[in-house]
Amino acid sequence: MKQPLIWTERIRSRALVWTPDAHWFINDPLGPLPHAHDDASEIIYIAAGQMDIQVGASKQRVGPGELLFMPPDRYHNYWLVGDETVCLYVLVVPNHKHARWRYKDFKPGAFEGHASLKSAFAPDATESMPSDERIATHVRVLPAGEATGVMVESVKEKMIYILDGEAGIEIERLSGAMRPNDYQHVPATHRHRIINTGATPLRYFEFVCFDPTAPAIVRPEDAHLVKA
């Protein structure tokens, strides 16, 4: 809960906590208000505790290690299950400046369909996780002592979320250590890499985030192709 709120034009992201004596997430300024996100996808990852989460027409029980993927424009609501504190990570893409939450007058189809649910520790998690054009969800595993190559995204942003193990992360000239349930934002155009600094395999989420509603970025060498 002490980790920062990530707030850019493409993404918003934070950790939320719901204690058994509370009626909603204790650090959520939105309050107990069912809602939807216009043209924005959302993932929910449960680090501890259990919740019932309604998305569209269906309600599902989500527990530790599970990720729920919500399509754009879908109504959703939450209920605490049991007497254990829920620790939850949420990521919404993109972060529309003037349409972050819809509380009423929901769009057609808001109460239809369902959300994809999968464990980050499932045998095939590294092969397939719920994704769409806004959030590409990957579970990566890095053996002890190994590191990724240097990576960079030109128009996409990343969120790195550690699931198991110990990591070092380098972003341009900055570096730091990460442990389970730590997360780190990687802005577009920033060179970065991840190092397994522990003695066991490192497992982490790599969320690659893109705003398909944003105007295309025109490279200087292609400016002559753009019509006035």
C-alpha atoms as a PDB file:
ATOM      1  CA  MET A   1       0.000   0.000   0.000  1.00  0.00           C
ATOM      2  CA  LYS A   2       3.003   2.292   0.512  1.00  0.00           C
ATOM      3  CA  GLN A   3       4.049   1.877  -3.116  1.00  0.00           C
ATOM      4  CA  PRO A   4       3.372   4.855  -5.395  1.00  0.00           C
ATOM      5  CA  LEU A   5       0.346   5.595  -7.510  1.00  0.00           C
ATOM      6  CA  ILE A   6       1.448   5.385 -11.157  1.00  0.00           C
ATOM      7  CA  TRP A   7      -0.316   8.056 -13.199  1.00  0.00           C
ATOM      8  CA  THR A   8       0.522   8.771 -16.845  1.00  0.00           C
ATOM      9  CA  GLU A   9      -1.502   9.417 -19.996  1.00  0.00           C
ATOM     10  CA  ARG A  10      -1.297   5.730 -20.904  1.00  0.00           C
ATOM     11  CA  ILE A  11      -1.734   4.019 -17.543  1.00  0.00           C
ATOM     12  CA  ARG A  12      -2.797   4.333 -13.948  1.00  0.00           C
ATOM     13  CA  SER A  13      -1.845   1.729 -11.408  1.00  0.00           C
ATOM     14  CA  ARG A  14      -1.722   1.169  -7.660  1.00  0.00           C
ATOM     15  CA  ALA A  15      -1.897  -1.293  -4.785  1.00  0.00           C
ATOM     16  CA  LEU A  16      -5.203  -1.485  -2.866  1.00  0.00           C
ATOM     17  CA  VAL A  17      -5.941  -3.015   0.540  1.00  0.00           C
ATOM     18  CA  TRP A  18      -9.291  -4.119   2.029  1.00  0.00           C
ATOM     19  CA  THR A  19      -9.269  -5.096   5.711  1.00  0.00           C
ATOM     20  CA  PRO A  20     -12.036  -7.279   7.208  1.00  0.00           C
ATOM     21  CA  ASP A  21     -13.370  -4.404   9.321  1.00  0.00           C
ATOM     22  CA  ALA A  22     -13.764  -2.066   6.335  1.00  0.00           C
ATOM     23  CA  HIS A  23     -16.576  -1.679   3.797  1.00  0.00           C
ATOM     24  CA  TRP A  24     -14.268  -0.962   0.828  1.00  0.00           C
ATOM     25  CA  PHE A  25     -10.595  -0.603  -0.016  1.00  0.00           C
ATOM     26  CA  ILE A  26      -9.161   1.545   2.752  1.00  0.00           C
ATOM     27  CA  ASN A  27      -6.837   3.533   0.449  1.00  0.00           C
ATOM     28  CA  ASP A  28      -9.147   4.002  -2.558  1.00  0.00           C
ATOM     29  CA  PRO A  29     -10.281   7.648  -2.951  1.00  0.00           C
ATOM     30  CA  LEU A  30     -13.067   6.560  -5.319  1.00  0.00           C
ATOM     31  CA  GLY A  31     -14.987   4.887  -2.479  1.00  0.00           C
ATOM     32  CA  PRO A  32     -17.570   2.060  -2.656  1.00  0.00           C
ATOM     33  CA  LEU A  33     -18.918   2.887  -6.090  1.00  0.00           C
ATOM     34  CA  PRO A  34     -19.492   0.240  -8.800  1.00  0.00           C
ATOM     35  CA  HIS A  35     -18.241   1.615 -12.106  1.00  0.00           C
ATOM     36  CA  ALA A  36     -16.860   1.018 -15.612  1.00  0.00           C
ATOM     37  CA  HIS A  37     -13.959   2.463 -17.613  1.00  0.00           C
ATOM     38  CA  ASP A  38     -14.728   3.937 -21.028  1.00  0.00           C
ATOM     39  CA  ASP A  39     -12.550   2.379 -23.722  1.00  0.00           C
ATOM     40  CA  ALA A  40     -10.007   1.227 -21.131  1.00  0.00           C
ATOM     41  CA  SER A  41      -8.965  -2.282 -20.093  1.00  0.00           C
ATOM     42  CA  GLU A  42      -8.200  -3.268 -16.504  1.00  0.00           C
ATOM     43  CA  ILE A  43      -6.347  -6.061 -14.747  1.00  0.00           C
ATOM     44  CA  ILE A  44      -6.765  -7.100 -11.124  1.00  0.00           C
ATOM     45  CA  TYR A  45      -4.109  -9.265  -9.464  1.00  0.00           C
ATOM     46  CA  ILE A  46      -4.757 -10.692  -5.986  1.00  0.00           C
ATOM     47  CA  ALA A  47      -1.625 -11.002  -3.844  1.00  0.00           C
ATOM     48  CA  ALA A  48      -3.488 -12.057  -0.660  1.00  0.00           C
ATOM     49  CA  GLY A  49      -7.069 -12.756   0.448  1.00  0.00           C
ATOM     50  CA  GLN A  50     -10.167 -13.532  -1.593  1.00  0.00           C
ATOM     51  CA  MET A  51     -12.787 -11.439  -3.345  1.00  0.00           C
ATOM     52  CA  ASP A  52     -15.952 -11.911  -5.348  1.00  0.00           C
ATOM     53  CA  ILE A  53     -15.709  -9.647  -8.389  1.00  0.00           C
ATOM     54  CA  GLN A  54     -18.568  -8.991 -10.789  1.00  0.00           C
ATOM     55  CA  VAL A  55     -17.606  -8.018 -14.341  1.00  0.00           C
ATOM     56  CA  GLY A  56     -20.428  -7.665 -16.852  1.00  0.00           C
ATOM     57  CA  ALA A  57     -22.964 -10.429 -16.259  1.00  0.00           C
ATOM     58  CA  SER A  58     -20.832 -12.777 -14.162  1.00  0.00           C
ATOM     59  CA  LYS A  59     -19.389 -12.875 -10.654  1.00  0.00           C
ATOM     60  CA  GLN A  60     -16.196 -14.840  -9.980  1.00  0.00           C
ATOM     61  CA  ARG A  61     -14.224 -15.671  -6.858  1.00  0.00           C
ATOM     62  CA  VAL A  62     -10.621 -14.513  -7.192  1.00  0.00           C
ATOM     63  CA  GLY A  63      -7.861 -15.602  -4.828  1.00  0.00           C
ATOM     64  CA  PRO A  64      -4.103 -15.354  -4.281  1.00  0.00           C
ATOM     65  CA  GLY A  65      -1.995 -15.634  -7.421  1.00  0.00           C
ATOM     66  CA  GLU A  66      -4.931 -15.067  -9.780  1.00  0.00           C
ATOM     67  CA  LEU A  67      -5.291 -12.347 -12.394  1.00  0.00           C
ATOM     68  CA  LEU A  68      -8.657 -11.102 -13.668  1.00  0.00           C
ATOM     69  CA  PHE A  69      -8.785  -9.262 -16.995  1.00  0.00           C
ATOM     70  CA  MET A  70     -11.670  -6.818 -17.536  1.00  0.00           C
ATOM     71  CA  PRO A  71     -12.579  -5.728 -21.079  1.00  0.00           C
ATOM     72  CA  PRO A  72     -13.320  -2.043 -21.740  1.00  0.00           C
ATOM     73  CA  ASP A  73     -16.696  -0.525 -20.768  1.00  0.00           C
ATOM     74  CA  ARG A  74     -17.720  -3.422 -18.489  1.00  0.00           C
ATOM     75  CA  TYR A  75     -19.501  -2.746 -15.213  1.00  0.00           C
ATOM     76  CA  HIS A  76     -17.619  -4.124 -12.186  1.00  0.00           C
ATOM     77  CA  ASN A  77     -18.080  -4.364  -8.423  1.00  0.00           C
ATOM     78  CA  TYR A  78     -16.233  -6.009  -5.495  1.00  0.00           C
ATOM     79  CA  TRP A  79     -17.056  -7.956  -2.306  1.00  0.00           C
ATOM     80  CA  LEU A  80     -14.662  -9.113   0.398  1.00  0.00           C
ATOM     81  CA  VAL A  81     -14.770 -12.863   1.112  1.00  0.00           C
ATOM     82  CA  GLY A  82     -13.733 -14.318   4.481  1.00  0.00           C
ATOM     83  CA  ASP A  83     -11.779 -12.648   7.269  1.00  0.00           C
ATOM     84  CA  GLU A  84      -8.390 -12.205   5.587  1.00  0.00           C
ATOM     85  CA  THR A  85      -7.116  -8.839   4.397  1.00  0.00           C
ATOM     86  CA  VAL A  86      -7.127  -8.495   0.608  1.00  0.00           C
ATOM     87  CA  CYS A  87      -4.011  -7.077  -1.052  1.00  0.00           C
ATOM     88  CA  LEU A  88      -4.665  -6.245  -4.676  1.00  0.00           C
ATOM     89  CA  TYR A  89      -2.804  -4.702  -7.616  1.00  0.00           C
ATOM     90  CA  VAL A  90      -4.780  -2.837 -10.271  1.00  0.00           C
ATOM     91  CA  LEU A  91      -3.748  -1.520 -13.696  1.00  0.00           C
ATOM     92  CA  VAL A  92      -5.998   0.482 -16.069  1.00  0.00           C
ATOM     93  CA  VAL A  93      -4.958   1.286 -19.668  1.00  0.00           C
ATOM     94  CA  PRO A  94      -5.263   3.945 -21.035  1.00  0.00           C
ATOM     95  CA  ASN A  95      -5.765   6.641 -18.395  1.00  0.00           C
ATOM     96  CA  HIS A  96      -8.276   8.872 -20.189  1.00  0.00           C
ATOM     97  CA  LYS A  97      -7.999  12.347 -18.707  1.00  0.00           C
ATOM     98  CA  HIS A  98     -11.703  13.234 -18.774  1.00  0.00           C
ATOM     99  CA  ALA A  99     -13.314   9.771 -18.634  1.00  0.00           C
ATOM    100  CA  ARG A 100     -11.617   7.713 -15.951  1.00  0.00           C
ATOM    101  CA  TRP A 101     -14.733   6.309 -14.273  1.00  0.00           C
ATOM    102  CA  ARG A 102     -18.368   5.882 -15.317  1.00  0.00           C
ATOM    103  CA  TYR A 103     -20.799   5.564 -12.390  1.00  0.00           C
ATOM    104  CA  LYS A 104     -24.128   5.726 -14.252  1.00  0.00           C
ATOM    105  CA  ASP A 105     -25.617   5.734 -17.753  1.00  0.00           C
ATOM    106  CA  PHE A 106     -23.503   2.694 -18.604  1.00  0.00           C
ATOM    107  CA  LYS A 107     -22.814   1.909 -22.244  1.00  0.00           C
ATOM    108  CA  PRO A 108     -24.728  -0.870 -24.061  1.00  0.00           C
ATOM    109  CA  GLY A 109     -23.199  -4.240 -23.211  1.00  0.00           C
ATOM    110  CA  ALA A 110     -21.830  -3.094 -19.845  1.00  0.00           C
ATOM    111  CA  PHE A 111     -23.758  -5.870 -18.055  1.00  0.00           C
ATOM    112  CA  GLU A 112     -22.914  -8.590 -20.573  1.00  0.00           C
ATOM    113  CA  GLY A 113     -20.009 -11.023 -20.944  1.00  0.00           C
ATOM    114  CA  HIS A 114     -17.414 -11.927 -18.343  1.00  0.00           C
ATOM    115  CA  ALA A 115     -13.759 -11.441 -17.372  1.00  0.00           C
ATOM    116  CA  SER A 116     -10.937 -13.862 -18.133  1.00  0.00           C
ATOM    117  CA  LEU A 117      -9.345 -15.398 -15.033  1.00  0.00           C
ATOM    118  CA  LYS A 118      -6.015 -17.224 -14.789  1.00  0.00           C
ATOM    119  CA  SER A 119      -3.378 -18.048 -12.184  1.00  0.00           C
ATOM    120  CA  ALA A 120       0.048 -16.489 -12.679  1.00  0.00           C
ATOM    121  CA  PHE A 121       1.466 -19.794 -11.412  1.00  0.00           C
ATOM    122  CA  ALA A 122      -0.458 -22.091 -13.785  1.00  0.00           C
ATOM    123  CA  PRO A 123       1.726 -24.527 -15.786  1.00  0.00           C
ATOM    124  CA  ASP A 124       1.014 -22.643 -19.022  1.00  0.00           C
ATOM    125  CA  ALA A 125       1.128 -19.118 -17.558  1.00  0.00           C
ATOM    126  CA  THR A 126       4.352 -18.296 -19.393  1.00  0.00           C
ATOM    127  CA  GLU A 127       2.695 -19.228 -22.684  1.00  0.00           C
ATOM    128  CA  SER A 128      -0.633 -17.439 -22.415  1.00  0.00           C
ATOM    129  CA  MET A 129      -2.223 -14.863 -20.118  1.00  0.00           C
ATOM    130  CA  PRO A 130      -5.354 -12.745 -20.673  1.00  0.00           C
ATOM    131  CA  SER A 131      -4.491  -9.762 -22.894  1.00  0.00           C
ATOM    132  CA  ASP A 132      -5.847  -7.373 -25.500  1.00  0.00           C
ATOM    133  CA  GLU A 133      -4.520  -4.513 -27.630  1.00  0.00           C
ATOM    134  CA  ARG A 134      -4.271  -2.253 -24.555  1.00  0.00           C
ATOM    135  CA  ILE A 135      -2.537  -4.574 -22.092  1.00  0.00           C
ATOM    136  CA  ALA A 136      -0.286  -7.410 -23.226  1.00  0.00           C
ATOM    137  CA  THR A 137       0.180  -9.600 -20.139  1.00  0.00           C
ATOM    138  CA  HIS A 138       3.262 -11.816 -19.901  1.00  0.00           C
ATOM    139  CA  VAL A 139       4.574 -14.029 -17.111  1.00  0.00           C
ATOM    140  CA  ARG A 140       8.357 -14.175 -17.422  1.00  0.00           C
ATOM    141  CA  VAL A 141      10.695 -16.624 -15.673  1.00  0.00           C
ATOM    142  CA  LEU A 142      14.404 -15.832 -15.366  1.00  0.00           C
ATOM    143  CA  PRO A 143      16.821 -18.484 -14.023  1.00  0.00           C
ATOM    144  CA  ALA A 144      19.110 -17.670 -11.103  1.00  0.00           C
ATOM    145  CA  GLY A 145      22.091 -15.544 -12.088  1.00  0.00           C
ATOM    146  CA  GLU A 146      20.684 -14.546 -15.475  1.00  0.00           C
ATOM    147  CA  ALA A 147      19.516 -11.212 -16.887  1.00  0.00           C
ATOM    148  CA  THR A 148      17.397 -10.025 -19.759  1.00  0.00           C
ATOM    149  CA  GLY A 149      18.914  -8.150 -22.623  1.00  0.00           C
ATOM    150  CA  VAL A 150      18.529  -4.383 -22.746  1.00  0.00           C
ATOM    151  CA  MET A 151      14.956  -3.598 -23.817  1.00  0.00           C
ATOM    152  CA  VAL A 152      13.175  -0.446 -24.975  1.00  0.00           C
ATOM    153  CA  GLU A 153       9.650   0.325 -26.198  1.00  0.00           C
ATOM    154  CA  SER A 154       9.175   3.279 -28.557  1.00  0.00           C
ATOM    155  CA  VAL A 155       5.499   4.126 -27.894  1.00  0.00           C
ATOM    156  CA  LYS A 156       4.490   1.659 -25.174  1.00  0.00           C
ATOM    157  CA  GLU A 157       4.928   1.728 -21.417  1.00  0.00           C
ATOM    158  CA  LYS A 158       5.617  -1.221 -19.119  1.00  0.00           C
ATOM    159  CA  MET A 159       4.752  -2.254 -15.603  1.00  0.00           C
ATOM    160  CA  ILE A 160       7.007  -4.854 -13.983  1.00  0.00           C
ATOM    161  CA  TYR A 161       5.476  -6.739 -11.034  1.00  0.00           C
ATOM    162  CA  ILE A 162       7.543  -9.301  -9.111  1.00  0.00           C
ATOM    163  CA  LEU A 163       5.702 -12.552  -8.327  1.00  0.00           C
ATOM    164  CA  ASP A 164       8.471 -14.701  -6.831  1.00  0.00           C
ATOM    165  CA  GLY A 165      12.202 -14.300  -6.265  1.00  0.00           C
ATOM    166  CA  GLU A 166      14.540 -11.312  -6.044  1.00  0.00           C
ATOM    167  CA  ALA A 167      15.358  -8.927  -8.869  1.00  0.00           C
ATOM    168  CA  GLY A 168      17.515  -6.001  -9.785  1.00  0.00           C
ATOM    169  CA  ILE A 169      16.111  -3.546 -12.310  1.00  0.00           C
ATOM    170  CA  GLU A 170      17.991  -0.972 -14.366  1.00  0.00           C
ATOM    171  CA  ILE A 171      16.166   1.882 -16.115  1.00  0.00           C
ATOM    172  CA  GLU A 172      18.526   4.205 -17.971  1.00  0.00           C
ATOM    173  CA  ARG A 173      20.960   5.355 -15.239  1.00  0.00           C
ATOM    174  CA  LEU A 174      18.760   4.328 -12.308  1.00  0.00           C
ATOM    175  CA  SER A 175      18.783   0.940 -10.610  1.00  0.00           C
ATOM    176  CA  GLY A 176      17.191  -0.753  -7.630  1.00  0.00           C
ATOM    177  CA  ALA A 177      16.139  -3.994  -5.958  1.00  0.00           C
ATOM    178  CA  MET A 178      12.692  -5.585  -6.192  1.00  0.00           C
ATOM    179  CA  ARG A 179      11.026  -8.340  -4.162  1.00  0.00           C
ATOM    180  CA  PRO A 180       7.652 -10.132  -4.405  1.00  0.00           C
ATOM    181  CA  ASN A 181       4.725  -7.731  -4.859  1.00  0.00           C
ATOM    182  CA  ASP A 182       6.968  -4.781  -5.717  1.00  0.00           C
ATOM    183  CA  TYR A 183       6.109  -3.049  -8.992  1.00  0.00           C
ATOM    184  CA  GLN A 184       7.968  -0.604 -11.217  1.00  0.00           C
ATOM    185  CA  HIS A 185       6.900   1.643 -14.090  1.00  0.00           C
ATOM    186  CA  VAL A 186       9.086   1.789 -17.213  1.00  0.00           C
ATOM    187  CA  PRO A 187       8.280   4.827 -19.413  1.00  0.00           C
ATOM    188  CA  ALA A 188       8.349   4.599 -23.190  1.00  0.00           C
ATOM    189  CA  THR A 189      11.768   5.141 -24.836  1.00  0.00           C
ATOM    190  CA  HIS A 190      13.609   4.167 -21.613  1.00  0.00           C
ATOM    191  CA  ARG A 191      16.250   1.456 -21.936  1.00  0.00           C
ATOM    192  CA  HIS A 192      15.871  -1.162 -19.208  1.00  0.00           C
ATOM    193  CA  ARG A 193      16.783  -4.659 -18.149  1.00  0.00           C
ATOM    194  CA  ILE A 194      16.009  -7.081 -15.301  1.00  0.00           C
ATOM    195  CA  ILE A 195      18.517  -9.216 -13.385  1.00  0.00           C
ATOM    196  CA  ASN A 196      17.780 -12.249 -11.219  1.00  0.00           C
ATOM    197  CA  THR A 197      19.776 -11.450  -8.075  1.00  0.00           C
ATOM    198  CA  GLY A 198      18.475 -14.403  -6.053  1.00  0.00           C
ATOM    199  CA  ALA A 199      19.309 -18.091  -5.795  1.00  0.00           C
ATOM    200  CA  THR A 200      15.958 -19.283  -7.202  1.00  0.00           C
ATOM    201  CA  PRO A 201      14.100 -18.623 -10.472  1.00  0.00           C
ATOM    202  CA  LEU A 202      12.615 -15.133 -10.776  1.00  0.00           C
ATOM    203  CA  ARG A 203       8.973 -14.977 -11.864  1.00  0.00           C
ATOM    204  CA  TYR A 204       7.395 -11.653 -12.758  1.00  0.00           C
ATOM    205  CA  PHE A 205       4.619  -9.968 -14.702  1.00  0.00           C
ATOM    206  CA  GLU A 206       5.548  -7.828 -17.664  1.00  0.00           C
ATOM    207  CA  PHE A 207       2.560  -5.684 -18.663  1.00  0.00           C
ATOM    208  CA  VAL A 208       3.118  -3.911 -21.982  1.00  0.00           C
ATOM    209  CA  CYS A 209       0.669  -1.013 -22.156  1.00  0.00           C
ATOM    210  CA  PHE A 210      -0.524   0.858 -25.243  1.00  0.00           C
ATOM    211  CA  ASP A 211      -3.210   3.433 -25.955  1.00  0.00           C
ATOM    212  CA  PRO A 212      -4.872   2.534 -29.288  1.00  0.00           C
ATOM    213  CA  THR A 213      -7.032   5.682 -29.077  1.00  0.00           C
ATOM    214  CA  ALA A 214      -4.043   8.061 -29.112  1.00  0.00           C
ATOM    215  CA  PRO A 215      -2.977   9.818 -32.320  1.00  0.00           C
ATOM    216  CA  ALA A 216      -0.226   8.033 -34.188  1.00  0.00           C
ATOM    217  CA  ILE A 217       3.276   9.299 -33.512  1.00  0.00           C
ATOM    218  CA  VAL A 218       4.864  10.612 -36.696  1.00  0.00           C
ATOM    219  CA  ARG A 219       8.622  10.176 -36.981  1.00  0.00           C
ATOM    220  CA  PRO A 220      10.498  13.206 -38.407  1.00  0.00           C
ATOM    221  CA  GLU A 221      11.606  11.234 -41.441  1.00  0.00           C
ATOM    222  CA  ASP A 222       7.939  10.446 -42.242  1.00  0.00           C
ATOM    223  CA  ALA A 223       6.578  13.977 -41.800  1.00  0.00           C
ATOM    224  CA  HIS A 224       6.368  14.507 -45.584  1.00  0.00           C
ATOM    225  CA  LEU A 225       3.836  11.630 -45.771  1.00  0.00           C
ATOM    226  CA  VAL A 226       1.306  13.327 -43.476  1.00  0.00           C
ATOM    227  CA  LYS A 227      -1.476  15.219 -45.240  1.00  0.00           C
ATOM    228  CA  ALA A 228      -2.048  18.772 -44.087  1.00  0.00           C
END
